[in-house]
């Protein structure tokens, strides 16, 4: 069963993907995907090193996506889009 934070993270990623596609096409979406995977791996590693139980690692990644990564990237996309 998917938690509420996981559902919010998924919705945030879809929103970010749509924005990336609109601004930079499929290349921007692929770059976003690589960035998310790389950054999420670091969040997972930090969570693991902090001693969080394994089931909390997914929650840590979802929380990071919703509260930090996606809002920051959407802001950057907005700034990039307004430069045109």
PDB file of N, CA and C in Angstrom:
ATOM      1  N   UNK A   1       0.840  -1.188   0.000  1.00  0.00           N
ATOM      2  CA  UNK A   1       0.000   0.000   0.000  1.00  0.00           C
ATOM      3  C   UNK A   1       0.880   1.244   0.000  1.00  0.00           C
ATOM      4  N   UNK A   2       0.529   2.173  -0.839  1.00  0.00           N
ATOM      5  CA  UNK A   2       1.314   3.396  -0.990  1.00  0.00           C
ATOM      6  C   UNK A   2       0.918   4.392   0.106  1.00  0.00           C
ATOM      7  N   UNK A   3       1.920   4.986   0.743  1.00  0.00           N
ATOM      8  CA  UNK A   3       1.642   5.976   1.780  1.00  0.00           C
ATOM      9  C   UNK A   3       1.255   7.309   1.150  1.00  0.00           C
ATOM     10  N   UNK A   4       0.723   8.179   1.972  1.00  0.00           N
ATOM     11  CA  UNK A   4       0.316   9.502   1.493  1.00  0.00           C
ATOM     12  C   UNK A   4       1.518  10.291   0.977  1.00  0.00           C
ATOM     13  N   UNK A   5       2.650  10.211   1.667  1.00  0.00           N
ATOM     14  CA  UNK A   5       3.835  10.958   1.229  1.00  0.00           C
ATOM     15  C   UNK A   5       4.367  10.398  -0.086  1.00  0.00           C
ATOM     16  N   UNK A   6       4.276   9.075  -0.274  1.00  0.00           N
ATOM     17  CA  UNK A   6       4.700   8.487  -1.547  1.00  0.00           C
ATOM     18  C   UNK A   6       3.809   8.979  -2.688  1.00  0.00           C
ATOM     19  N   UNK A   7       2.519   9.073  -2.433  1.00  0.00           N
ATOM     20  CA  UNK A   7       1.584   9.569  -3.450  1.00  0.00           C
ATOM     21  C   UNK A   7       1.885  11.032  -3.783  1.00  0.00           C
ATOM     22  N   UNK A   8       2.182  11.832  -2.757  1.00  0.00           N
ATOM     23  CA  UNK A   8       2.533  13.243  -2.993  1.00  0.00           C
ATOM     24  C   UNK A   8       3.829  13.352  -3.793  1.00  0.00           C
ATOM     25  N   UNK A   9       4.795  12.486  -3.467  1.00  0.00           N
ATOM     26  CA  UNK A   9       6.072  12.506  -4.191  1.00  0.00           C
ATOM     27  C   UNK A   9       5.854  12.147  -5.654  1.00  0.00           C
ATOM     28  N   UNK A  10       5.033  11.151  -5.908  1.00  0.00           N
ATOM     29  CA  UNK A  10       4.756  10.746  -7.283  1.00  0.00           C
ATOM     30  C   UNK A  10       4.087  11.883  -8.049  1.00  0.00           C
ATOM     31  N   UNK A  11       3.106  12.542  -7.426  1.00  0.00           N
ATOM     32  CA  UNK A  11       2.431  13.675  -8.071  1.00  0.00           C
ATOM     33  C   UNK A  11       3.413  14.818  -8.345  1.00  0.00           C
ATOM     34  N   UNK A  12       4.310  15.067  -7.388  1.00  0.00           N
ATOM     35  CA  UNK A  12       5.301  16.133  -7.567  1.00  0.00           C
ATOM     36  C   UNK A  12       6.243  15.798  -8.720  1.00  0.00           C
ATOM     37  N   UNK A  13       6.664  14.539  -8.819  1.00  0.00           N
ATOM     38  CA  UNK A  13       7.538  14.138  -9.924  1.00  0.00           C
ATOM     39  C   UNK A  13       6.839  14.270 -11.271  1.00  0.00           C
ATOM     40  N   UNK A  14       5.551  13.916 -11.319  1.00  0.00           N
ATOM     41  CA  UNK A  14       4.803  14.073 -12.568  1.00  0.00           C
ATOM     42  C   UNK A  14       4.721  15.550 -12.956  1.00  0.00           C
ATOM     43  N   UNK A  15       4.486  16.410 -11.980  1.00  0.00           N
ATOM     44  CA  UNK A  15       4.421  17.848 -12.243  1.00  0.00           C
ATOM     45  C   UNK A  15       5.769  18.343 -12.754  1.00  0.00           C
ATOM     46  N   UNK A  16       6.843  17.909 -12.122  1.00  0.00           N
ATOM     47  CA  UNK A  16       8.178  18.312 -12.546  1.00  0.00           C
ATOM     48  C   UNK A  16       8.486  17.786 -13.945  1.00  0.00           C
ATOM     49  N   UNK A  17       8.117  16.549 -14.229  1.00  0.00           N
ATOM     50  CA  UNK A  17       8.332  15.972 -15.556  1.00  0.00           C
ATOM     51  C   UNK A  17       7.591  16.739 -16.626  1.00  0.00           C
ATOM     52  N   UNK A  18       6.357  17.125 -16.335  1.00  0.00           N
ATOM     53  CA  UNK A  18       5.575  17.918 -17.289  1.00  0.00           C
ATOM     54  C   UNK A  18       6.248  19.262 -17.558  1.00  0.00           C
ATOM     55  N   UNK A  19       6.748  19.899 -16.491  1.00  0.00           N
ATOM     56  CA  UNK A  19       7.419  21.192 -16.656  1.00  0.00           C
ATOM     57  C   UNK A  19       8.705  21.023 -17.461  1.00  0.00           C
ATOM     58  N   UNK A  20       9.456  19.970 -17.169  1.00  0.00           N
ATOM     59  CA  UNK A  20      10.709  19.718 -17.903  1.00  0.00           C
ATOM     60  C   UNK A  20      10.415  19.482 -19.385  1.00  0.00           C
ATOM     61  N   UNK A  21       9.382  18.705 -19.673  1.00  0.00           N
ATOM     62  CA  UNK A  21       9.018  18.416 -21.053  1.00  0.00           C
ATOM     63  C   UNK A  21       8.627  19.690 -21.786  1.00  0.00           C
ATOM     64  N   UNK A  22       7.870  20.536 -21.118  1.00  0.00           N
ATOM     65  CA  UNK A  22       7.418  21.784 -21.732  1.00  0.00           C
ATOM     66  C   UNK A  22       8.590  22.724 -22.022  1.00  0.00           C
ATOM     67  N   UNK A  23       9.539  22.779 -21.119  1.00  0.00           N
ATOM     68  CA  UNK A  23      10.643  23.727 -21.262  1.00  0.00           C
ATOM     69  C   UNK A  23      11.753  23.202 -22.163  1.00  0.00           C
ATOM     70  N   UNK A  24      12.114  21.915 -21.995  1.00  0.00           N
ATOM     71  CA  UNK A  24      13.285  21.428 -22.713  1.00  0.00           C
ATOM     72  C   UNK A  24      13.095  20.134 -23.474  1.00  0.00           C
ATOM     73  N   UNK A  25      11.871  19.678 -23.598  1.00  0.00           N
ATOM     74  CA  UNK A  25      11.613  18.456 -24.351  1.00  0.00           C
ATOM     75  C   UNK A  25      12.095  17.212 -23.630  1.00  0.00           C
ATOM     76  N   UNK A  26      12.205  16.155 -24.384  1.00  0.00           N
ATOM     77  CA  UNK A  26      12.554  14.863 -23.813  1.00  0.00           C
ATOM     78  C   UNK A  26      13.950  14.873 -23.206  1.00  0.00           C
ATOM     79  N   UNK A  27      14.863  15.660 -23.754  1.00  0.00           N
ATOM     80  CA  UNK A  27      16.215  15.736 -23.189  1.00  0.00           C
ATOM     81  C   UNK A  27      16.161  16.271 -21.758  1.00  0.00           C
ATOM     82  N   UNK A  28      15.349  17.284 -21.514  1.00  0.00           N
ATOM     83  CA  UNK A  28      15.220  17.840 -20.166  1.00  0.00           C
ATOM     84  C   UNK A  28      14.600  16.819 -19.212  1.00  0.00           C
ATOM     85  N   UNK A  29      13.648  16.044 -19.704  1.00  0.00           N
ATOM     86  CA  UNK A  29      13.028  15.002 -18.872  1.00  0.00           C
ATOM     87  C   UNK A  29      14.068  13.957 -18.491  1.00  0.00           C
ATOM     88  N   UNK A  30      14.881  13.535 -19.448  1.00  0.00           N
ATOM     89  CA  UNK A  30      15.913  12.538 -19.164  1.00  0.00           C
ATOM     90  C   UNK A  30      16.960  13.089 -18.198  1.00  0.00           C
ATOM     91  N   UNK A  31      17.348  14.341 -18.360  1.00  0.00           N
ATOM     92  CA  UNK A  31      18.295  14.957 -17.432  1.00  0.00           C
ATOM     93  C   UNK A  31      17.701  15.035 -16.029  1.00  0.00           C
ATOM     94  N   UNK A  32      16.415  15.373 -15.946  1.00  0.00           N
ATOM     95  CA  UNK A  32      15.734  15.427 -14.664  1.00  0.00           C
ATOM     96  C   UNK A  32      15.734  14.047 -14.018  1.00  0.00           C
ATOM     97  N   UNK A  33      15.454  13.020 -14.811  1.00  0.00           N
ATOM     98  CA  UNK A  33      15.415  11.647 -14.303  1.00  0.00           C
ATOM     99  C   UNK A  33      16.766  11.257 -13.710  1.00  0.00           C
ATOM    100  N   UNK A  34      17.836  11.531 -14.425  1.00  0.00           N
ATOM    101  CA  UNK A  34      19.174  11.204 -13.937  1.00  0.00           C
ATOM    102  C   UNK A  34      19.475  11.981 -12.652  1.00  0.00           C
ATOM    103  N   UNK A  35      19.113  13.237 -12.627  1.00  0.00           N
ATOM    104  CA  UNK A  35      19.339  14.061 -11.442  1.00  0.00           C
ATOM    105  C   UNK A  35      18.569  13.532 -10.236  1.00  0.00           C
ATOM    106  N   UNK A  36      17.322  13.147 -10.445  1.00  0.00           N
ATOM    107  CA  UNK A  36      16.504  12.616  -9.350  1.00  0.00           C
ATOM    108  C   UNK A  36      17.118  11.327  -8.810  1.00  0.00           C
ATOM    109  N   UNK A  37      17.497  10.432  -9.703  1.00  0.00           N
ATOM    110  CA  UNK A  37      18.068   9.154  -9.275  1.00  0.00           C
ATOM    111  C   UNK A  37      19.357   9.378  -8.493  1.00  0.00           C
ATOM    112  N   UNK A  38      20.239  10.213  -9.012  1.00  0.00           N
ATOM    113  CA  UNK A  38      21.516  10.482  -8.357  1.00  0.00           C
ATOM    114  C   UNK A  38      21.310  11.117  -6.986  1.00  0.00           C
ATOM    115  N   UNK A  39      20.451  12.112  -6.932  1.00  0.00           N
ATOM    116  CA  UNK A  39      20.203  12.809  -5.668  1.00  0.00           C
ATOM    117  C   UNK A  39      19.467  11.931  -4.671  1.00  0.00           C
ATOM    118  N   UNK A  40      18.513  11.157  -5.140  1.00  0.00           N
ATOM    119  CA  UNK A  40      17.771  10.267  -4.246  1.00  0.00           C
ATOM    120  C   UNK A  40      18.688   9.204  -3.657  1.00  0.00           C
ATOM    121  N   UNK A  41      19.648   8.749  -4.437  1.00  0.00           N
ATOM    122  CA  UNK A  41      20.622   7.778  -3.931  1.00  0.00           C
ATOM    123  C   UNK A  41      21.393   8.372  -2.752  1.00  0.00           C
ATOM    124  N   UNK A  42      21.751   9.646  -2.852  1.00  0.00           N
ATOM    125  CA  UNK A  42      22.465  10.311  -1.752  1.00  0.00           C
ATOM    126  C   UNK A  42      21.570  10.439  -0.520  1.00  0.00           C
ATOM    127  N   UNK A  43      20.304  10.794  -0.724  1.00  0.00           N
ATOM    128  CA  UNK A  43      19.357  10.896   0.389  1.00  0.00           C
ATOM    129  C   UNK A  43      19.210   9.534   1.065  1.00  0.00           C
ATOM    130  N   UNK A  44      19.103   8.480   0.271  1.00  0.00           N
ATOM    131  CA  UNK A  44      18.973   7.134   0.825  1.00  0.00           C
ATOM    132  C   UNK A  44      20.217   6.746   1.616  1.00  0.00           C
ATOM    133  N   UNK A  45      21.369   7.063   1.074  1.00  0.00           N
ATOM    134  CA  UNK A  45      22.619   6.741   1.762  1.00  0.00           C
ATOM    135  C   UNK A  45      22.710   7.518   3.084  1.00  0.00           C
ATOM    136  N   UNK A  46      22.370   8.792   3.070  1.00  0.00           N
ATOM    137  CA  UNK A  46      22.391   9.599   4.293  1.00  0.00           C
ATOM    138  C   UNK A  46      21.422   9.048   5.335  1.00  0.00           C
ATOM    139  N   UNK A  47      20.238   8.652   4.883  1.00  0.00           N
ATOM    140  CA  UNK A  47      19.235   8.086   5.781  1.00  0.00           C
ATOM    141  C   UNK A  47      19.734   6.776   6.388  1.00  0.00           C
ATOM    142  N   UNK A  48      20.329   5.957   5.559  1.00  0.00           N
ATOM    143  CA  UNK A  48      20.875   4.680   6.022  1.00  0.00           C
ATOM    144  C   UNK A  48      21.997   4.902   7.031  1.00  0.00           C
ATOM    145  N   UNK A  49      22.898   5.842   6.720  1.00  0.00           N
ATOM    146  CA  UNK A  49      24.014   6.139   7.621  1.00  0.00           C
ATOM    147  C   UNK A  49      23.539   6.746   8.936  1.00  0.00           C
ATOM    148  N   UNK A  50      22.389   7.414   8.912  1.00  0.00           N
ATOM    149  CA  UNK A  50      21.825   7.985  10.134  1.00  0.00           C
ATOM    150  C   UNK A  50      21.179   6.919  11.007  1.00  0.00           C
ATOM    151  N   UNK A  51      21.126   5.700  10.475  1.00  0.00           N
ATOM    152  CA  UNK A  51      20.560   4.597  11.245  1.00  0.00           C
ATOM    153  C   UNK A  51      19.063   4.439  11.111  1.00  0.00           C
ATOM    154  N   UNK A  52      18.491   5.088  10.128  1.00  0.00           N
ATOM    155  CA  UNK A  52      17.048   4.945   9.922  1.00  0.00           C
ATOM    156  C   UNK A  52      16.728   3.514   9.519  1.00  0.00           C
ATOM    157  N   UNK A  53      15.609   2.985  10.015  1.00  0.00           N
ATOM    158  CA  UNK A  53      15.194   1.653   9.571  1.00  0.00           C
ATOM    159  C   UNK A  53      14.934   1.658   8.066  1.00  0.00           C
ATOM    160  N   UNK A  54      15.123   0.516   7.430  1.00  0.00           N
ATOM    161  CA  UNK A  54      14.994   0.419   5.965  1.00  0.00           C
ATOM    162  C   UNK A  54      13.661   0.956   5.460  1.00  0.00           C
ATOM    163  N   UNK A  55      12.580   0.680   6.176  1.00  0.00           N
ATOM    164  CA  UNK A  55      11.265   1.136   5.704  1.00  0.00           C
ATOM    165  C   UNK A  55      11.136   2.658   5.740  1.00  0.00           C
ATOM    166  N   UNK A  56      12.004   3.343   6.483  1.00  0.00           N
ATOM    167  CA  UNK A  56      11.947   4.801   6.537  1.00  0.00           C
ATOM    168  C   UNK A  56      12.754   5.461   5.423  1.00  0.00           C
ATOM    169  N   UNK A  57      13.604   4.703   4.735  1.00  0.00           N
ATOM    170  CA  UNK A  57      14.416   5.278   3.658  1.00  0.00           C
ATOM    171  C   UNK A  57      13.515   5.776   2.532  1.00  0.00           C
ATOM    172  N   UNK A  58      12.536   4.981   2.148  1.00  0.00           N
ATOM    173  CA  UNK A  58      11.591   5.397   1.101  1.00  0.00           C
ATOM    174  C   UNK A  58      10.848   6.663   1.518  1.00  0.00           C
ATOM    175  N   UNK A  59      10.458   6.713   2.782  1.00  0.00           N
ATOM    176  CA  UNK A  59       9.762   7.898   3.282  1.00  0.00           C
ATOM    177  C   UNK A  59      10.689   9.118   3.260  1.00  0.00           C
ATOM    178  N   UNK A  60      11.958   8.921   3.588  1.00  0.00           N
ATOM    179  CA  UNK A  60      12.918  10.024   3.561  1.00  0.00           C
ATOM    180  C   UNK A  60      13.076  10.567   2.141  1.00  0.00           C
ATOM    181  N   UNK A  61      13.143   9.665   1.165  1.00  0.00           N
ATOM    182  CA  UNK A  61      13.264  10.095  -0.234  1.00  0.00           C
ATOM    183  C   UNK A  61      12.007  10.842  -0.668  1.00  0.00           C
ATOM    184  N   UNK A  62      10.850  10.304  -0.350  1.00  0.00           N
ATOM    185  CA  UNK A  62       9.592  10.958  -0.729  1.00  0.00           C
ATOM    186  C   UNK A  62       9.470  12.331  -0.093  1.00  0.00           C
ATOM    187  N   UNK A  63       9.823  12.435   1.178  1.00  0.00           N
ATOM    188  CA  UNK A  63       9.751  13.716   1.877  1.00  0.00           C
ATOM    189  C   UNK A  63      10.701  14.722   1.246  1.00  0.00           C
ATOM    190  N   UNK A  64      11.911  14.285   0.915  1.00  0.00           N
ATOM    191  CA  UNK A  64      12.895  15.156   0.261  1.00  0.00           C
ATOM    192  C   UNK A  64      12.368  15.647  -1.094  1.00  0.00           C
ATOM    193  N   UNK A  65      11.764  14.729  -1.862  1.00  0.00           N
ATOM    194  CA  UNK A  65      11.229  15.118  -3.169  1.00  0.00           C
ATOM    195  C   UNK A  65      10.176  16.205  -3.038  1.00  0.00           C
ATOM    196  N   UNK A  66       9.237  15.997  -2.115  1.00  0.00           N
ATOM    197  CA  UNK A  66       8.106  16.912  -1.971  1.00  0.00           C
ATOM    198  C   UNK A  66       8.527  18.244  -1.351  1.00  0.00           C
ATOM    199  N   UNK A  67       9.414  18.196  -0.361  1.00  0.00           N
ATOM    200  CA  UNK A  67       9.716  19.409   0.394  1.00  0.00           C
ATOM    201  C   UNK A  67      10.903  20.202  -0.147  1.00  0.00           C
ATOM    202  N   UNK A  68      11.789  19.553  -0.896  1.00  0.00           N
ATOM    203  CA  UNK A  68      13.007  20.245  -1.306  1.00  0.00           C
ATOM    204  C   UNK A  68      13.262  20.188  -2.813  1.00  0.00           C
ATOM    205  N   UNK A  69      13.440  18.988  -3.338  1.00  0.00           N
ATOM    206  CA  UNK A  69      13.905  18.842  -4.713  1.00  0.00           C
ATOM    207  C   UNK A  69      12.930  19.422  -5.744  1.00  0.00           C
ATOM    208  N   UNK A  70      11.698  18.960  -5.723  1.00  0.00           N
ATOM    209  CA  UNK A  70      10.736  19.399  -6.744  1.00  0.00           C
ATOM    210  C   UNK A  70      10.466  20.901  -6.664  1.00  0.00           C
ATOM    211  N   UNK A  71      10.207  21.466  -5.471  1.00  0.00           N
ATOM    212  CA  UNK A  71       9.992  22.929  -5.441  1.00  0.00           C
ATOM    213  C   UNK A  71      11.189  23.726  -5.973  1.00  0.00           C
ATOM    214  N   UNK A  72      12.394  23.279  -5.633  1.00  0.00           N
ATOM    215  CA  UNK A  72      13.591  23.974  -6.114  1.00  0.00           C
ATOM    216  C   UNK A  72      13.710  23.890  -7.632  1.00  0.00           C
ATOM    217  N   UNK A  73      13.486  22.706  -8.174  1.00  0.00           N
ATOM    218  CA  UNK A  73      13.595  22.527  -9.626  1.00  0.00           C
ATOM    219  C   UNK A  73      12.492  23.290 -10.361  1.00  0.00           C
ATOM    220  N   UNK A  74      11.279  23.281  -9.830  1.00  0.00           N
ATOM    221  CA  UNK A  74      10.196  24.034 -10.473  1.00  0.00           C
ATOM    222  C   UNK A  74      10.509  25.525 -10.481  1.00  0.00           C
ATOM    223  N   UNK A  75      11.107  26.006  -9.401  1.00  0.00           N
ATOM    224  CA  UNK A  75      11.504  27.420  -9.347  1.00  0.00           C
ATOM    225  C   UNK A  75      12.562  27.705 -10.404  1.00  0.00           C
ATOM    226  N   UNK A  76      13.523  26.817 -10.555  1.00  0.00           N
ATOM    227  CA  UNK A  76      14.551  27.001 -11.580  1.00  0.00           C
ATOM    228  C   UNK A  76      13.941  26.967 -12.980  1.00  0.00           C
ATOM    229  N   UNK A  77      12.993  26.059 -13.210  1.00  0.00           N
ATOM    230  CA  UNK A  77      12.328  25.995 -14.509  1.00  0.00           C
ATOM    231  C   UNK A  77      11.573  27.280 -14.786  1.00  0.00           C
ATOM    232  N   UNK A  78      10.924  27.823 -13.751  1.00  0.00           N
ATOM    233  CA  UNK A  78      10.184  29.061 -13.918  1.00  0.00           C
ATOM    234  C   UNK A  78      11.125  30.203 -14.290  1.00  0.00           C
ATOM    235  N   UNK A  79      12.274  30.251 -13.618  1.00  0.00           N
ATOM    236  CA  UNK A  79      13.269  31.286 -13.938  1.00  0.00           C
ATOM    237  C   UNK A  79      13.817  31.098 -15.358  1.00  0.00           C
ATOM    238  N   UNK A  80      14.070  29.858 -15.746  1.00  0.00           N
ATOM    239  CA  UNK A  80      14.569  29.565 -17.082  1.00  0.00           C
ATOM    240  C   UNK A  80      13.530  29.957 -18.128  1.00  0.00           C
ATOM    241  N   UNK A  81      12.280  29.608 -17.852  1.00  0.00           N
ATOM    242  CA  UNK A  81      11.203  29.932 -18.793  1.00  0.00           C
ATOM    243  C   UNK A  81      10.978  31.416 -18.931  1.00  0.00           C
ATOM    244  N   UNK A  82      11.214  32.182 -17.868  1.00  0.00           N
ATOM    245  CA  UNK A  82      10.986  33.630 -17.945  1.00  0.00           C
ATOM    246  C   UNK A  82      12.151  34.351 -18.605  1.00  0.00           C
ATOM    247  N   UNK A  83      13.297  33.651 -18.787  1.00  0.00           N
ATOM    248  CA  UNK A  83      14.438  34.255 -19.478  1.00  0.00           C
ATOM    249  C   UNK A  83      14.247  34.320 -20.985  1.00  0.00           C
ATOM    250  N   UNK A  84      13.316  33.555 -21.525  1.00  0.00           N
ATOM    251  CA  UNK A  84      13.102  33.488 -22.985  1.00  0.00           C
ATOM    252  C   UNK A  84      12.593  34.786 -23.541  1.00  0.00           C
TER     253      UNK A  84
END
